[in-house]
Protein backbone atom coordinates (compact mmCIF):
# COMPACT_ATOMS: atom_id res chain seq x y z
CA MET A 1 11.33 28.03 -47.45
CA LYS A 2 12.43 28.90 -43.97
CA LYS A 3 10.78 30.47 -40.96
CA VAL A 4 11.07 34.22 -40.65
CA LEU A 5 12.57 33.79 -37.19
CA LEU A 6 15.91 33.38 -38.96
CA PHE A 7 15.62 36.94 -40.21
CA PHE A 8 15.50 38.59 -36.82
CA SER A 9 19.23 39.01 -36.72
CA VAL A 10 18.71 42.04 -38.94
CA LEU A 11 16.49 43.77 -36.40
CA ALA A 12 19.26 46.07 -35.29
CA ILE A 13 19.57 47.30 -38.86
CA VAL A 14 15.86 48.00 -39.04
CA ALA A 15 15.84 49.74 -35.69
CA SER A 16 18.62 52.09 -36.70
CA SER A 17 17.47 52.74 -40.24
CA CYS A 18 13.71 53.16 -40.06
CA GLN A 19 13.87 56.69 -38.67
CA SER A 20 13.69 57.76 -42.31
CA ASN A 21 10.99 56.29 -44.49
CA SER A 22 12.93 55.63 -47.66
CA TYR A 23 12.26 52.86 -50.15
CA GLU A 24 15.08 50.63 -48.93
CA ASP A 25 14.74 51.43 -45.22
CA LEU A 26 11.33 49.81 -45.03
CA ALA A 27 12.29 46.69 -46.96
CA LEU A 28 12.48 44.65 -43.75
CA SER A 29 9.76 46.32 -41.70
CA GLN A 30 7.47 43.29 -42.02
CA ILE A 31 9.28 41.59 -39.15
CA ALA A 32 7.91 44.16 -36.71
CA ILE A 33 4.27 43.01 -36.85
CA VAL A 34 2.46 43.06 -33.48
CA PRO A 35 0.98 40.71 -32.43
CA GLN A 36 3.42 38.15 -33.76
CA PRO A 37 1.78 36.01 -36.47
CA GLN A 38 1.64 32.26 -35.92
CA SER A 39 3.60 31.44 -39.06
CA ILE A 40 5.69 33.49 -41.48
CA GLU A 41 7.61 31.94 -44.35
CA THR A 42 9.79 33.80 -46.80
CA THR A 43 12.01 32.95 -49.76
CA GLU A 44 15.71 33.70 -49.96
CA ASN A 45 15.70 36.69 -52.29
CA GLY A 46 12.29 37.40 -53.79
CA THR A 47 10.76 40.86 -53.30
CA MET A 48 7.89 42.94 -54.61
CA VAL A 49 7.29 46.68 -54.69
CA ILE A 50 4.03 48.25 -53.58
CA SER A 51 3.42 51.93 -54.26
CA SER A 52 0.88 54.62 -54.87
CA GLY A 53 -1.36 53.91 -57.87
CA LEU A 54 -2.04 50.35 -56.76
CA THR A 55 -5.26 48.47 -57.40
CA ILE A 56 -7.35 46.80 -54.69
CA VAL A 57 -9.25 43.85 -56.11
CA ALA A 58 -12.59 43.02 -54.45
CA VAL A 59 -15.96 41.69 -55.59
CA LYS A 60 -18.12 40.36 -52.73
CA GLU A 61 -19.76 42.57 -50.11
CA GLU A 62 -17.34 41.65 -47.30
CA GLU A 63 -14.39 42.07 -49.65
CA LEU A 64 -15.56 45.52 -50.67
CA LYS A 65 -16.01 46.62 -47.05
CA ILE A 66 -12.40 45.74 -46.31
CA ALA A 67 -11.23 47.23 -49.61
CA ASN A 68 -12.83 50.57 -48.78
CA TYR A 69 -11.38 50.49 -45.26
CA LEU A 70 -7.93 49.95 -46.79
CA LYS A 71 -8.56 52.63 -49.41
CA ASP A 72 -9.29 55.12 -46.61
CA TYR A 73 -5.98 54.22 -44.98
CA PHE A 74 -4.08 54.78 -48.22
CA ALA A 75 -5.73 58.18 -48.57
CA GLU A 76 -4.26 59.10 -45.17
CA ILE A 77 -0.71 58.40 -46.44
CA ASN A 78 -1.45 60.19 -49.73
CA TRP A 79 -1.52 57.13 -51.97
CA THR A 80 -3.93 56.98 -54.88
CA VAL A 81 -5.68 53.62 -55.25
CA LYS A 82 -8.44 52.07 -57.35
CA VAL A 83 -10.92 49.41 -56.25
CA LYS A 84 -11.68 47.05 -59.17
CA GLU A 85 -12.93 43.53 -59.81
CA ASP A 86 -9.95 42.42 -61.91
CA ALA A 87 -6.28 42.37 -60.94
CA PRO A 88 -3.63 44.08 -63.08
CA SER A 89 -0.30 42.38 -63.75
CA SER A 90 1.44 44.00 -60.75
CA ASN A 91 1.10 46.44 -57.83
CA PHE A 92 -2.19 45.07 -56.54
CA ILE A 93 -3.82 43.82 -53.36
CA SER A 94 -6.40 41.11 -53.92
CA ILE A 95 -8.96 40.59 -51.14
CA GLN A 96 -10.77 37.27 -51.37
CA GLN A 97 -13.35 35.72 -49.07
CA LYS A 98 -12.87 31.96 -49.27
CA SER A 99 -12.27 28.88 -47.16
CA ILE A 100 -8.66 28.65 -46.00
CA GLY A 101 -8.88 25.37 -44.12
CA SER A 102 -9.09 26.73 -40.58
CA ASP A 103 -11.95 26.39 -38.11
CA ASN A 104 -10.98 29.67 -36.47
CA ILE A 105 -13.34 32.39 -37.73
CA GLU A 106 -10.63 35.04 -37.34
CA ALA A 107 -7.93 33.23 -39.33
CA TYR A 108 -6.33 34.66 -42.44
CA VAL A 109 -3.62 34.04 -45.03
CA LEU A 110 -1.54 36.91 -46.37
CA SER A 111 0.65 36.03 -49.38
CA ILE A 112 3.11 38.34 -51.11
CA SER A 113 4.40 37.39 -54.56
CA GLN A 114 6.62 39.38 -56.89
CA LYS A 115 3.48 40.66 -58.63
CA GLY A 116 1.14 41.52 -55.79
CA ILE A 117 -0.47 40.75 -52.45
CA GLN A 118 -3.21 38.16 -51.87
CA ILE A 119 -5.40 38.33 -48.74
CA GLU A 120 -7.65 35.36 -48.03
CA ALA A 121 -10.04 34.59 -45.16
CA ALA A 122 -13.35 32.87 -44.62
CA ASN A 123 -15.08 36.08 -43.51
CA GLY A 124 -14.69 39.76 -42.83
CA LYS A 125 -12.96 39.24 -39.50
CA GLY A 126 -10.01 37.41 -40.98
CA LEU A 127 -9.82 39.82 -43.91
CA PHE A 128 -9.75 42.75 -41.51
CA TYR A 129 -6.95 41.29 -39.38
CA ALA A 130 -4.88 40.52 -42.47
CA VAL A 131 -5.19 44.19 -43.43
CA GLN A 132 -3.91 45.25 -40.00
CA SER A 133 -0.82 43.09 -40.49
CA LEU A 134 -0.33 44.54 -43.95
CA ILE A 135 -0.65 48.12 -42.77
CA GLN A 136 2.09 47.51 -40.21
CA MET A 137 4.42 46.68 -43.12
CA LEU A 138 3.70 49.84 -45.06
CA PRO A 139 5.50 53.20 -45.00
CA LEU A 140 4.43 56.15 -42.91
CA ASP A 141 4.30 58.52 -45.87
CA GLY A 142 3.70 58.40 -49.61
CA GLU A 143 6.79 56.50 -50.73
CA ALA A 144 6.97 53.01 -52.17
CA VAL A 145 8.01 50.02 -50.10
CA LYS A 146 9.78 46.80 -51.02
CA LEU A 147 8.43 43.67 -49.32
CA PRO A 148 9.86 40.15 -49.40
CA VAL A 149 7.98 37.35 -51.08
CA MET A 150 6.36 35.68 -48.10
CA LYS A 151 3.31 33.92 -46.70
CA ILE A 152 1.68 34.61 -43.34
CA LYS A 153 -0.74 32.07 -41.90
CA ASP A 154 -2.31 33.49 -38.78
CA GLU A 155 -5.13 33.07 -36.30
CA PRO A 156 -5.65 34.11 -32.67
CA ARG A 157 -4.98 31.87 -29.70
CA PHE A 158 -7.91 33.28 -27.69
CA ALA A 159 -11.37 34.29 -28.84
CA TYR A 160 -11.63 37.07 -26.23
CA ARG A 161 -9.01 39.81 -26.44
CA GLY A 162 -10.18 42.74 -24.37
CA MET A 163 -9.47 46.32 -23.42
CA HIS A 164 -11.47 48.18 -20.78
CA LEU A 165 -11.96 51.93 -20.38
CA ASP A 166 -13.45 53.65 -17.34
CA VAL A 167 -15.24 56.79 -18.51
CA ALA A 168 -17.12 57.22 -15.23
CA ARG A 169 -14.31 58.47 -13.00
CA HIS A 170 -13.24 60.81 -15.80
CA PHE A 171 -15.33 61.39 -18.90
CA PHE A 172 -13.76 61.22 -22.36
CA PRO A 173 -15.31 62.49 -25.61
CA VAL A 174 -16.63 60.41 -28.47
CA GLU A 175 -13.65 61.14 -30.69
CA PHE A 176 -11.23 59.75 -28.12
CA VAL A 177 -13.31 56.59 -27.70
CA LYS A 178 -13.11 56.13 -31.47
CA LYS A 179 -9.34 56.61 -31.39
CA TYR A 180 -9.13 54.02 -28.62
CA LEU A 181 -11.12 51.61 -30.79
CA ASP A 182 -8.86 52.32 -33.77
CA MET A 183 -5.81 51.36 -31.76
CA MET A 184 -7.51 48.26 -30.38
CA ALA A 185 -8.31 47.17 -33.93
CA PHE A 186 -4.77 47.89 -35.10
CA TYR A 187 -3.48 45.38 -32.56
CA LYS A 188 -6.29 42.87 -33.16
CA MET A 189 -8.12 43.37 -29.85
CA ASN A 190 -11.79 42.49 -30.29
CA ASN A 191 -13.76 43.33 -27.11
CA PHE A 192 -14.20 46.84 -25.70
CA HIS A 193 -15.41 46.82 -22.09
CA TRP A 194 -16.99 50.25 -21.60
CA HIS A 195 -17.34 51.12 -17.90
CA LEU A 196 -20.25 53.57 -18.01
CA THR A 197 -21.56 53.96 -14.44
CA GLU A 198 -19.91 54.55 -11.09
CA ASP A 199 -20.20 56.32 -7.75
CA GLN A 200 -18.52 59.32 -9.41
CA GLY A 201 -20.64 59.58 -12.54
CA TRP A 202 -23.38 58.06 -14.72
CA ARG A 203 -22.37 58.35 -18.38
CA ILE A 204 -25.14 56.86 -20.54
CA GLU A 205 -28.48 58.44 -21.41
CA ILE A 206 -31.49 56.45 -20.18
CA LYS A 207 -34.60 58.10 -21.55
CA GLN A 208 -36.99 56.68 -18.96
CA TYR A 209 -34.84 58.10 -16.17
CA PRO A 210 -33.54 61.52 -17.28
CA LYS A 211 -32.19 62.44 -13.84
CA LEU A 212 -29.49 59.79 -14.24
CA THR A 213 -27.72 62.20 -16.55
CA GLU A 214 -29.25 65.49 -15.34
CA VAL A 215 -28.05 64.79 -11.78
CA GLY A 216 -25.92 61.65 -11.85
CA SER A 217 -23.50 62.66 -14.59
CA VAL A 218 -22.06 65.68 -12.74
CA ARG A 219 -20.05 65.74 -9.52
CA LYS A 220 -19.45 69.04 -7.81
CA GLU A 221 -15.69 68.54 -7.62
CA THR A 222 -12.93 65.93 -7.57
CA MET A 223 -10.53 65.02 -4.82
CA VAL A 224 -7.05 66.48 -5.36
CA GLU A 225 -4.54 63.67 -5.91
CA LYS A 226 -4.71 61.35 -2.85
CA ASN A 227 -5.94 63.80 -0.24
CA PHE A 228 -8.39 61.41 1.43
CA ASN A 229 -7.83 62.55 5.01
CA PRO A 230 -8.05 65.41 5.38
CA TYR A 231 -10.10 65.64 2.21
CA VAL A 232 -9.13 68.30 -0.34
CA GLY A 233 -11.35 68.96 -3.37
CA ASP A 234 -10.47 70.93 -6.49
CA GLY A 235 -13.74 72.92 -6.54
CA ILE A 236 -14.24 72.17 -10.25
CA PRO A 237 -17.44 70.41 -11.41
CA HIS A 238 -16.81 67.41 -13.64
CA GLY A 239 -19.41 65.84 -15.89
CA GLY A 240 -20.43 64.47 -19.24
CA PHE A 241 -22.42 61.64 -20.74
CA TYR A 242 -23.08 59.89 -24.02
CA THR A 243 -26.45 60.32 -25.68
CA GLN A 244 -28.05 57.19 -27.07
CA GLU A 245 -27.29 58.43 -30.56
CA GLU A 246 -23.62 58.78 -29.63
CA VAL A 247 -23.65 55.28 -28.15
CA LYS A 248 -25.08 53.91 -31.41
CA GLU A 249 -22.41 55.79 -33.35
CA ILE A 250 -19.62 54.30 -31.23
CA VAL A 251 -21.06 50.78 -31.38
CA ALA A 252 -21.33 50.98 -35.18
CA TYR A 253 -17.78 52.35 -35.42
CA ALA A 254 -16.54 49.44 -33.31
CA MET A 255 -18.42 46.86 -35.38
CA GLU A 256 -16.75 48.15 -38.54
CA ARG A 257 -13.45 47.33 -36.80
CA GLN A 258 -14.54 43.85 -35.69
CA ILE A 259 -14.89 44.98 -32.07
CA ASN A 260 -17.74 44.01 -29.79
CA VAL A 261 -18.73 46.62 -27.19
CA ILE A 262 -19.61 45.36 -23.70
CA PRO A 263 -21.33 48.00 -21.55
CA GLU A 264 -20.94 47.88 -17.79
CA ILE A 265 -23.86 49.03 -15.65
CA GLU A 266 -22.67 48.62 -12.04
CA MET A 267 -24.85 46.92 -9.43
CA PRO A 268 -25.52 46.54 -6.57
CA GLY A 269 -22.48 48.58 -5.50
CA HIS A 270 -20.73 51.57 -7.10
CA SER A 271 -24.19 53.05 -7.57
CA LEU A 272 -23.95 56.36 -5.71
CA ALA A 273 -24.49 58.50 -8.82
CA ALA A 274 -27.76 56.67 -9.51
CA LEU A 275 -28.83 57.06 -5.88
CA ALA A 276 -28.12 60.79 -6.08
CA ALA A 277 -30.60 60.95 -8.96
CA TYR A 278 -33.15 58.55 -7.47
CA PRO A 279 -32.63 58.32 -3.68
CA GLU A 280 -35.66 56.04 -3.25
CA LEU A 281 -33.47 53.20 -4.62
CA GLY A 282 -31.26 53.25 -1.52
CA CYS A 283 -31.75 51.50 1.81
CA THR A 284 -31.59 54.81 3.69
CA PRO A 285 -33.47 58.06 2.96
CA GLY A 286 -30.39 59.91 1.76
CA PRO A 287 -29.86 62.52 0.49
CA PHE A 288 -27.02 61.23 -1.66
CA GLU A 289 -24.60 63.11 -3.86
CA VAL A 290 -22.41 62.00 -6.74
CA GLY A 291 -19.09 60.84 -5.31
CA THR A 292 -16.10 63.18 -5.21
CA ILE A 293 -13.58 60.76 -3.72
CA TRP A 294 -12.37 57.36 -4.91
CA GLY A 295 -12.87 54.04 -3.22
CA VAL A 296 -15.81 51.98 -1.97
CA ASN A 297 -19.03 53.57 -0.73
CA LYS A 298 -21.41 51.88 1.73
CA ASN A 299 -24.49 53.22 -0.05
CA ILE A 300 -25.62 50.65 -2.61
CA TYR A 301 -28.90 49.70 -4.27
CA CYS A 302 -31.49 48.33 -1.85
CA PRO A 303 -32.88 44.94 -3.05
CA SER A 304 -36.44 46.26 -3.24
CA GLU A 305 -38.96 45.59 -5.98
CA GLU A 306 -38.66 49.26 -6.91
CA THR A 307 -34.93 48.78 -7.49
CA PHE A 308 -35.42 45.71 -9.66
CA THR A 309 -38.05 47.52 -11.73
CA PHE A 310 -35.63 50.42 -12.18
CA LEU A 311 -32.70 48.18 -13.18
CA GLU A 312 -34.80 46.14 -15.58
CA ASN A 313 -36.05 49.32 -17.24
CA VAL A 314 -32.49 50.66 -17.50
CA LEU A 315 -31.19 47.38 -18.91
CA SER A 316 -34.08 47.23 -21.38
CA GLU A 317 -32.76 50.43 -22.97
CA VAL A 318 -29.15 49.27 -22.72
CA VAL A 319 -29.69 45.96 -24.50
CA GLU A 320 -31.31 47.78 -27.41
CA LEU A 321 -28.14 49.84 -27.87
CA PHE A 322 -25.60 47.02 -27.71
CA PRO A 323 -26.06 44.13 -30.16
CA GLY A 324 -23.32 41.96 -28.62
CA GLN A 325 -24.14 38.98 -26.43
CA TYR A 326 -22.66 40.31 -23.17
CA ILE A 327 -23.82 42.84 -20.59
CA HIS A 328 -21.47 43.50 -17.65
CA ILE A 329 -23.20 44.19 -14.33
CA GLY A 330 -20.13 44.74 -12.11
CA GLY A 331 -21.02 43.02 -8.84
CA ASP A 332 -17.76 44.03 -7.15
CA GLU A 333 -17.02 45.92 -3.95
CA ALA A 334 -20.58 46.02 -2.61
CA PRO A 335 -20.42 46.52 1.19
CA LYS A 336 -23.25 44.81 3.02
CA ASP A 337 -23.57 47.38 5.85
CA ARG A 338 -26.77 48.99 4.57
CA TRP A 339 -28.37 45.61 3.85
CA LYS A 340 -27.63 44.41 7.37
CA GLU A 341 -29.44 47.46 8.73
CA SER A 342 -32.30 47.46 6.21
CA ALA A 343 -35.72 46.00 7.01
CA VAL A 344 -36.32 45.64 3.27
CA ALA A 345 -33.12 43.65 2.71
CA GLN A 346 -33.70 41.47 5.76
CA ALA A 347 -37.25 40.75 4.63
CA VAL A 348 -35.93 39.53 1.26
CA ILE A 349 -33.41 37.27 3.03
CA LYS A 350 -36.21 35.77 5.11
CA ARG A 351 -38.66 35.48 2.20
CA GLU A 352 -36.15 33.76 -0.09
CA GLY A 353 -34.68 31.50 2.61
CA LEU A 354 -31.20 33.01 2.24
CA LYS A 355 -28.43 32.46 4.74
CA ASP A 356 -26.90 35.95 4.79
CA GLU A 357 -26.21 39.15 2.86
CA PHE A 358 -23.74 37.36 0.56
CA GLU A 359 -26.47 35.00 -0.56
CA LEU A 360 -28.67 38.08 -0.94
CA GLN A 361 -26.15 39.47 -3.43
CA SER A 362 -26.22 36.14 -5.27
CA TYR A 363 -30.03 36.37 -5.36
CA PHE A 364 -29.70 39.92 -6.71
CA ILE A 365 -27.31 38.85 -9.50
CA ARG A 366 -29.30 35.72 -10.37
CA ARG A 367 -32.45 37.77 -10.73
CA ILE A 368 -30.73 40.23 -13.06
CA GLU A 369 -29.23 37.35 -15.03
CA LYS A 370 -32.68 35.80 -15.53
CA PHE A 371 -33.90 39.13 -16.91
CA LEU A 372 -30.91 39.46 -19.26
CA ILE A 373 -31.40 35.93 -20.53
CA SER A 374 -35.01 36.84 -21.32
CA LYS A 375 -33.54 39.60 -23.50
CA GLY A 376 -31.17 37.22 -25.27
CA LYS A 377 -28.08 38.43 -23.40
CA LYS A 378 -25.38 36.88 -21.22
CA LEU A 379 -24.22 38.31 -17.90
CA ILE A 380 -20.60 39.07 -17.02
CA GLY A 381 -19.51 40.12 -13.54
CA TRP A 382 -16.35 40.62 -11.54
CA ASP A 383 -15.27 37.64 -9.45
CA GLU A 384 -17.22 38.82 -6.37
CA ILE A 385 -20.33 37.39 -8.04
CA LEU A 386 -19.01 34.00 -6.92
CA GLU A 387 -19.77 34.93 -3.32
CA GLY A 388 -23.00 33.38 -2.11
CA GLY A 389 -23.27 31.22 -5.22
CA LEU A 390 -22.69 31.92 -8.90
CA ALA A 391 -25.56 32.73 -11.25
CA PRO A 392 -26.25 29.72 -13.52
CA GLU A 393 -24.91 31.01 -16.85
CA ALA A 394 -22.67 33.88 -15.74
CA THR A 395 -19.20 34.59 -17.12
CA VAL A 396 -16.64 35.67 -14.54
CA MET A 397 -13.95 38.32 -14.91
CA SER A 398 -11.22 37.33 -12.48
CA TRP A 399 -9.56 40.51 -11.19
CA ARG A 400 -8.50 39.68 -7.63
CA GLY A 401 -5.77 37.40 -8.90
CA GLU A 402 -6.68 34.14 -10.65
CA ALA A 403 -8.43 32.28 -7.82
CA GLY A 404 -11.92 33.42 -8.83
CA GLY A 405 -11.30 32.46 -12.43
CA ILE A 406 -10.03 29.03 -11.44
CA GLU A 407 -13.03 28.44 -9.19
CA ALA A 408 -15.49 29.53 -11.87
CA ALA A 409 -13.83 27.45 -14.59
CA GLU A 410 -13.87 24.38 -12.37
CA GLN A 411 -17.61 24.96 -11.93
CA GLY A 412 -17.98 24.94 -15.71
CA HIS A 413 -18.34 28.69 -16.18
CA ASN A 414 -16.54 30.75 -18.81
CA VAL A 415 -13.80 33.01 -17.52
CA ILE A 416 -11.95 36.12 -18.69
CA MET A 417 -8.63 36.61 -16.95
CA THR A 418 -7.84 40.15 -15.85
CA PRO A 419 -5.74 39.82 -12.66
CA ASN A 420 -4.77 43.14 -11.14
CA SER A 421 -1.15 41.99 -10.80
CA VAL A 422 -0.55 42.17 -14.56
CA ALA A 423 -3.69 43.51 -16.25
CA TYR A 424 -4.36 46.80 -14.47
CA PHE A 425 -2.97 49.57 -16.62
CA ASP A 426 -3.64 52.16 -13.92
CA HIS A 427 -0.59 50.76 -12.12
CA TYR A 428 2.82 52.35 -12.40
CA GLN A 429 4.91 50.98 -15.23
CA ALA A 430 8.16 52.56 -14.07
CA GLY A 431 9.43 54.74 -11.27
CA PRO A 432 7.21 55.96 -9.64
CA GLU A 433 9.80 58.76 -9.65
CA GLY A 434 9.22 60.86 -12.74
CA GLU A 435 5.98 59.08 -13.61
CA PRO A 436 2.48 60.60 -13.52
CA LEU A 437 0.40 59.85 -10.43
CA ALA A 438 -1.08 56.35 -10.47
CA ILE A 439 -3.32 54.42 -8.12
CA GLY A 440 -0.33 52.30 -7.03
CA GLY A 441 1.00 48.89 -7.97
CA PHE A 442 3.80 48.19 -10.41
CA THR A 443 3.15 46.45 -13.73
CA THR A 444 5.92 46.56 -16.30
CA LEU A 445 5.71 45.93 -20.01
CA GLN A 446 7.44 42.58 -19.50
CA ASP A 447 4.97 41.61 -16.75
CA VAL A 448 2.16 41.98 -19.28
CA TYR A 449 4.08 40.22 -22.03
CA ASP A 450 5.04 37.25 -19.87
CA TYR A 451 1.54 36.65 -18.53
CA GLU A 452 0.02 33.23 -19.25
CA PRO A 453 -3.80 33.48 -19.18
CA ILE A 454 -4.39 29.77 -18.57
CA PRO A 455 -3.52 28.99 -14.94
CA ALA A 456 -1.32 25.94 -14.41
CA GLU A 457 -3.78 24.72 -11.78
CA LEU A 458 -6.53 24.14 -14.33
CA SER A 459 -6.98 20.68 -15.78
CA LYS A 460 -7.16 20.33 -19.54
CA GLU A 461 -10.88 19.72 -19.22
CA HIS A 462 -11.40 23.12 -17.59
CA GLN A 463 -8.89 25.12 -19.64
CA LYS A 464 -11.46 25.48 -22.42
CA HIS A 465 -13.46 27.81 -20.16
CA VAL A 466 -10.71 30.48 -20.26
CA LEU A 467 -11.97 32.66 -23.11
CA GLY A 468 -8.99 35.01 -23.00
CA ALA A 469 -7.72 38.04 -21.12
CA GLN A 470 -8.32 41.75 -20.76
CA ALA A 471 -6.52 44.82 -19.45
CA ASN A 472 -8.42 47.31 -17.31
CA VAL A 473 -7.93 51.07 -17.41
CA TRP A 474 -9.38 52.71 -14.30
CA THR A 475 -9.20 56.48 -14.58
CA GLU A 476 -9.31 57.89 -11.05
CA TYR A 477 -6.05 59.75 -11.71
CA MET A 478 -6.22 59.95 -15.51
CA LYS A 479 -7.78 63.32 -16.23
CA THR A 480 -6.78 63.68 -19.87
CA THR A 481 -6.72 61.57 -23.01
CA ASP A 482 -2.91 61.92 -23.22
CA TYR A 483 -2.71 60.52 -19.70
CA VAL A 484 -4.82 57.49 -20.66
CA GLU A 485 -2.71 56.82 -23.73
CA TYR A 486 0.51 57.08 -21.74
CA MET A 487 -0.71 54.44 -19.31
CA VAL A 488 -2.05 52.12 -22.03
CA PHE A 489 0.77 52.21 -24.57
CA PRO A 490 2.87 50.22 -25.19
CA ARG A 491 1.40 47.81 -22.63
CA MET A 492 -1.56 47.16 -24.95
CA LEU A 493 0.92 45.87 -27.53
CA ALA A 494 2.32 43.38 -25.03
CA LEU A 495 -1.17 42.19 -24.15
CA SER A 496 -2.11 41.84 -27.81
CA GLU A 497 0.75 39.41 -28.36
CA THR A 498 -0.11 37.57 -25.15
CA VAL A 499 -3.70 36.90 -26.21
CA TRP A 500 -3.18 36.46 -29.97
CA SER A 501 0.10 34.60 -30.40
CA GLN A 502 0.78 31.03 -29.38
CA PRO A 503 3.37 30.76 -26.57
CA GLU A 504 5.91 29.09 -28.84
CA VAL A 505 6.07 32.07 -31.22
CA LYS A 506 6.38 34.69 -28.48
CA ASP A 507 9.85 36.10 -27.84
CA TRP A 508 10.47 38.94 -25.38
CA ALA A 509 13.78 40.05 -26.93
CA ARG A 510 12.23 40.17 -30.39
CA PHE A 511 9.19 42.05 -29.07
CA GLN A 512 11.44 44.74 -27.58
CA GLU A 513 13.16 45.17 -30.94
CA LYS A 514 9.81 45.41 -32.72
CA LEU A 515 8.92 48.37 -30.51
CA ASN A 516 11.41 50.51 -32.44
CA TRP A 517 9.12 50.35 -35.46
CA GLN A 518 5.88 50.22 -33.50
CA MET A 519 6.67 53.47 -31.69
CA GLN A 520 6.95 55.15 -35.08
CA LEU A 521 3.52 53.80 -35.93
CA LEU A 522 2.21 55.22 -32.65
CA ASP A 523 3.82 58.57 -33.46
CA ALA A 524 2.14 58.56 -36.87
CA ARG A 525 -1.23 58.11 -35.16
CA ASN A 526 -0.54 60.83 -32.60
CA VAL A 527 -0.63 58.38 -29.72
CA ASN A 528 1.10 59.35 -26.49
CA TYR A 529 3.07 56.51 -24.94
CA HIS A 530 5.57 55.54 -22.28
CA LYS A 531 9.07 54.90 -23.62
CA PRO A 532 10.38 51.84 -21.81
CA ASN A 533 14.08 51.45 -21.13
């Protein structure tokens, strides 16, 4: 046996030949799996042929779920398959839930013999990820494919592998969210951070507060490009929201793909759309209107009892819709101007013995955390929640570089790394000449690929608090689904390898070669993407 790394000298052949999908052309396509598996072993000459008419072998409930998922995929490429309890002598895929000797709940083993394919994992997660690797080896149409006899042993490096989507700045329909989840699953990403509320729009139905969507989901217009001063608006209303039934549908769809959905309900800042609907929640009388320009607004929730009642009622509906353990409450970019001027805010500072408005924000977050804990949930916030003192059990998303993540980890808090230098997919990835308008910044595919989520400054004792990493997709300038896809792909592929694969199996040159095949897979799924040099 020898490691598959020795086979990468043939990548140039694959890259040039896989434009057609013939039987022989795809014989080596297995080396283009993204993210790179931890271990691949292959024999010198053995191969097997998989083709239409195959049998999927499954018995247990989890096995059958994965078998039916795979059967649906084969239907898309016009292969006929049968799901049975017994394996034939050849041309089969056996899915078996069993112990494979790994403590990682997402681990799997994928073995290819001359007779068939064996998938093994301790649970549905591992089985599902094995299927994603298998699908990346299969043809794009109905022809047969020859695969080498091989064994993949694989498991993720990090438990948290995230992608974010801002649907508040620009709203995107349910079908696109599902497509986004499909692509996350394909590249073994397992946490979808759904940014649902903002100054520019409230996107989730809350039945106790109907004006959040009646008023807060629609802005009268949107600023044209970057015309801040003088302001220029497009005169076109923009709106949309997800009903609770649609939210349930999306959450269920994600769960079938081993993805946890983390909703973000922003507080105390980025709350202008909510204030437009319920102005009594502000520190000034208003009136407020849903934001039409990007940036930070001084109008934020006032820390009154009325506000806390409102937020607890909102979160009570939210936690019923999202079965995962996390609720994201934002906590970023909350100017303290209104609190400094507010008798209500100053009275809370005095009553609680707080030093200043930063400690008032900490009080605000701690109070919300206590409520979420009472509902069996954990709080996540951006790294600004460190200011004034971190809530006792909070998880920190470090976006302003890594300093906040380091500080939180050293305090014993869990951390998700998402530094804007490498993990903001609203940044330019080339140009900017010839590229669509972006918020700024410059984050190349290689920047994402080369990122190391565990900061060198962290001691081994504190490294365990780094759960993983996430890329953020802020949509101020992304008006269409094609635009979002162009900014996300192929950078999502680079991130997937960064958070799944161990550093010693990553290889930038090999990853670039794998993109030749991966771009065909993106084409087959009608995904728009940037073509890197």
